[in-house]
Amino acid sequence: MTLLLRRIGRGNWSPLLISYDHHRQGQLPILLAAKVGDRIEVAGVAYRVSVVIP
């Protein structure tokens, strides 16, 4: 699964692209369920999910 995250707030910030590989699920700290519009916090910064690619 790949998530395209955009920073919440003013400004033209570059999007953050996060990819999860289900084959390496044992190495990931948590299972992530996300949909467009959800808010996710990464390193103390709030992002909004713009695109979810399964």
N, C-alpha and C. Protein backbone atom coordinates (compact mmCIF):
# COMPACT_ATOMS: atom_id res chain seq x y z
N MET A 1 0.85 -1.17 0.00
CA MET A 1 0.00 0.00 0.00
C MET A 1 0.90 1.23 0.00
N THR A 2 0.52 2.21 -0.76
CA THR A 2 1.25 3.47 -0.84
C THR A 2 0.31 4.61 -0.49
N LEU A 3 0.80 5.53 0.34
CA LEU A 3 0.02 6.69 0.76
C LEU A 3 0.70 7.96 0.31
N LEU A 4 -0.06 8.88 -0.24
CA LEU A 4 0.43 10.20 -0.59
C LEU A 4 -0.14 11.15 0.46
N LEU A 5 0.75 11.74 1.26
CA LEU A 5 0.34 12.60 2.36
C LEU A 5 0.69 14.05 2.06
N ARG A 6 -0.22 14.95 2.37
CA ARG A 6 0.01 16.38 2.22
C ARG A 6 -0.08 17.03 3.59
N ARG A 7 0.82 17.94 3.85
CA ARG A 7 0.86 18.62 5.13
C ARG A 7 -0.37 19.51 5.31
N ILE A 8 -0.92 19.51 6.51
CA ILE A 8 -2.10 20.32 6.81
C ILE A 8 -1.65 21.73 7.14
N GLY A 9 -2.36 22.71 6.61
CA GLY A 9 -2.05 24.10 6.91
C GLY A 9 -1.66 24.87 5.67
N ARG A 10 -1.23 26.08 5.91
CA ARG A 10 -0.86 26.96 4.80
C ARG A 10 0.49 26.59 4.23
N GLY A 11 0.69 26.96 3.00
CA GLY A 11 1.98 26.74 2.36
C GLY A 11 1.90 25.67 1.29
N ASN A 12 2.85 25.70 0.40
CA ASN A 12 2.91 24.74 -0.70
C ASN A 12 4.00 23.72 -0.38
N TRP A 13 3.73 22.86 0.60
CA TRP A 13 4.69 21.87 1.04
C TRP A 13 4.75 20.71 0.05
N SER A 14 5.90 20.10 -0.06
CA SER A 14 6.04 18.91 -0.90
C SER A 14 5.29 17.75 -0.24
N PRO A 15 4.64 16.91 -1.04
CA PRO A 15 3.92 15.77 -0.47
C PRO A 15 4.90 14.72 0.04
N LEU A 16 4.43 13.92 0.99
CA LEU A 16 5.21 12.83 1.56
C LEU A 16 4.63 11.53 1.04
N LEU A 17 5.47 10.67 0.50
CA LEU A 17 5.04 9.39 -0.07
C LEU A 17 5.53 8.27 0.84
N ILE A 18 4.59 7.48 1.38
CA ILE A 18 4.93 6.38 2.28
C ILE A 18 4.45 5.09 1.64
N SER A 19 5.34 4.09 1.58
CA SER A 19 4.99 2.78 1.01
C SER A 19 5.14 1.71 2.07
N TYR A 20 4.13 0.82 2.15
CA TYR A 20 4.15 -0.32 3.05
C TYR A 20 4.15 -1.59 2.22
N ASP A 21 5.05 -2.51 2.53
CA ASP A 21 5.14 -3.78 1.83
C ASP A 21 4.54 -4.86 2.73
N HIS A 22 3.47 -5.53 2.28
CA HIS A 22 2.82 -6.53 3.12
C HIS A 22 3.71 -7.74 3.37
N HIS A 23 4.74 -7.97 2.56
CA HIS A 23 5.65 -9.07 2.77
C HIS A 23 6.56 -8.82 3.97
N ARG A 24 6.71 -7.57 4.35
CA ARG A 24 7.57 -7.20 5.49
C ARG A 24 6.75 -6.71 6.67
N GLN A 25 5.51 -7.14 6.76
CA GLN A 25 4.60 -6.68 7.81
C GLN A 25 5.17 -6.95 9.20
N GLY A 26 5.92 -8.03 9.37
CA GLY A 26 6.51 -8.35 10.67
C GLY A 26 7.51 -7.31 11.13
N GLN A 27 8.08 -6.54 10.22
CA GLN A 27 9.07 -5.53 10.57
C GLN A 27 8.43 -4.19 10.91
N LEU A 28 7.14 -4.01 10.54
CA LEU A 28 6.47 -2.75 10.79
C LEU A 28 5.91 -2.70 12.21
N PRO A 29 5.92 -1.55 12.84
CA PRO A 29 5.44 -1.46 14.22
C PRO A 29 3.93 -1.66 14.37
N ILE A 30 3.13 -1.21 13.40
CA ILE A 30 1.67 -1.32 13.51
C ILE A 30 1.07 -1.60 12.14
N LEU A 31 -0.13 -2.14 12.16
CA LEU A 31 -0.89 -2.30 10.93
C LEU A 31 -1.59 -0.97 10.66
N LEU A 32 -1.51 -0.48 9.46
CA LEU A 32 -2.07 0.82 9.13
C LEU A 32 -3.27 0.67 8.21
N ALA A 33 -4.40 1.21 8.63
CA ALA A 33 -5.59 1.26 7.80
C ALA A 33 -5.89 2.73 7.55
N ALA A 34 -5.83 3.14 6.30
CA ALA A 34 -6.01 4.56 5.98
C ALA A 34 -6.95 4.72 4.80
N LYS A 35 -7.66 5.83 4.81
CA LYS A 35 -8.52 6.19 3.67
C LYS A 35 -8.31 7.67 3.39
N VAL A 36 -8.72 8.10 2.22
CA VAL A 36 -8.55 9.49 1.80
C VAL A 36 -9.27 10.40 2.79
N GLY A 37 -8.57 11.43 3.23
CA GLY A 37 -9.14 12.39 4.18
C GLY A 37 -8.72 12.16 5.61
N ASP A 38 -8.17 10.98 5.93
CA ASP A 38 -7.71 10.71 7.29
C ASP A 38 -6.52 11.59 7.63
N ARG A 39 -6.37 11.86 8.92
CA ARG A 39 -5.20 12.60 9.40
C ARG A 39 -4.21 11.63 10.02
N ILE A 40 -2.95 11.77 9.66
CA ILE A 40 -1.88 10.92 10.18
C ILE A 40 -0.77 11.82 10.68
N GLU A 41 -0.22 11.50 11.83
CA GLU A 41 0.88 12.28 12.37
C GLU A 41 2.18 11.52 12.15
N VAL A 42 3.14 12.19 11.53
CA VAL A 42 4.46 11.62 11.26
C VAL A 42 5.50 12.56 11.83
N ALA A 43 6.28 12.07 12.77
CA ALA A 43 7.35 12.86 13.39
C ALA A 43 6.83 14.18 13.96
N GLY A 44 5.65 14.15 14.54
CA GLY A 44 5.09 15.34 15.18
C GLY A 44 4.42 16.33 14.25
N VAL A 45 4.30 15.99 12.98
CA VAL A 45 3.67 16.87 11.99
C VAL A 45 2.41 16.20 11.47
N ALA A 46 1.30 16.93 11.40
CA ALA A 46 0.03 16.39 10.93
C ALA A 46 -0.04 16.43 9.41
N TYR A 47 -0.46 15.30 8.82
CA TYR A 47 -0.62 15.17 7.38
C TYR A 47 -2.03 14.67 7.10
N ARG A 48 -2.52 14.95 5.89
CA ARG A 48 -3.81 14.47 5.41
C ARG A 48 -3.54 13.48 4.27
N VAL A 49 -4.23 12.35 4.28
CA VAL A 49 -4.09 11.36 3.23
C VAL A 49 -4.79 11.86 1.98
N SER A 50 -4.04 12.02 0.88
CA SER A 50 -4.61 12.50 -0.38
C SER A 50 -4.94 11.36 -1.34
N VAL A 51 -4.06 10.37 -1.39
CA VAL A 51 -4.23 9.25 -2.32
C VAL A 51 -3.82 7.96 -1.61
N VAL A 52 -4.61 6.89 -1.81
CA VAL A 52 -4.27 5.56 -1.31
C VAL A 52 -4.18 4.63 -2.51
N ILE A 53 -3.02 4.02 -2.69
CA ILE A 53 -2.81 3.08 -3.79
C ILE A 53 -2.60 1.71 -3.17
N PRO A 54 -3.52 0.77 -3.41
CA PRO A 54 -3.40 -0.56 -2.77
C PRO A 54 -2.24 -1.38 -3.26
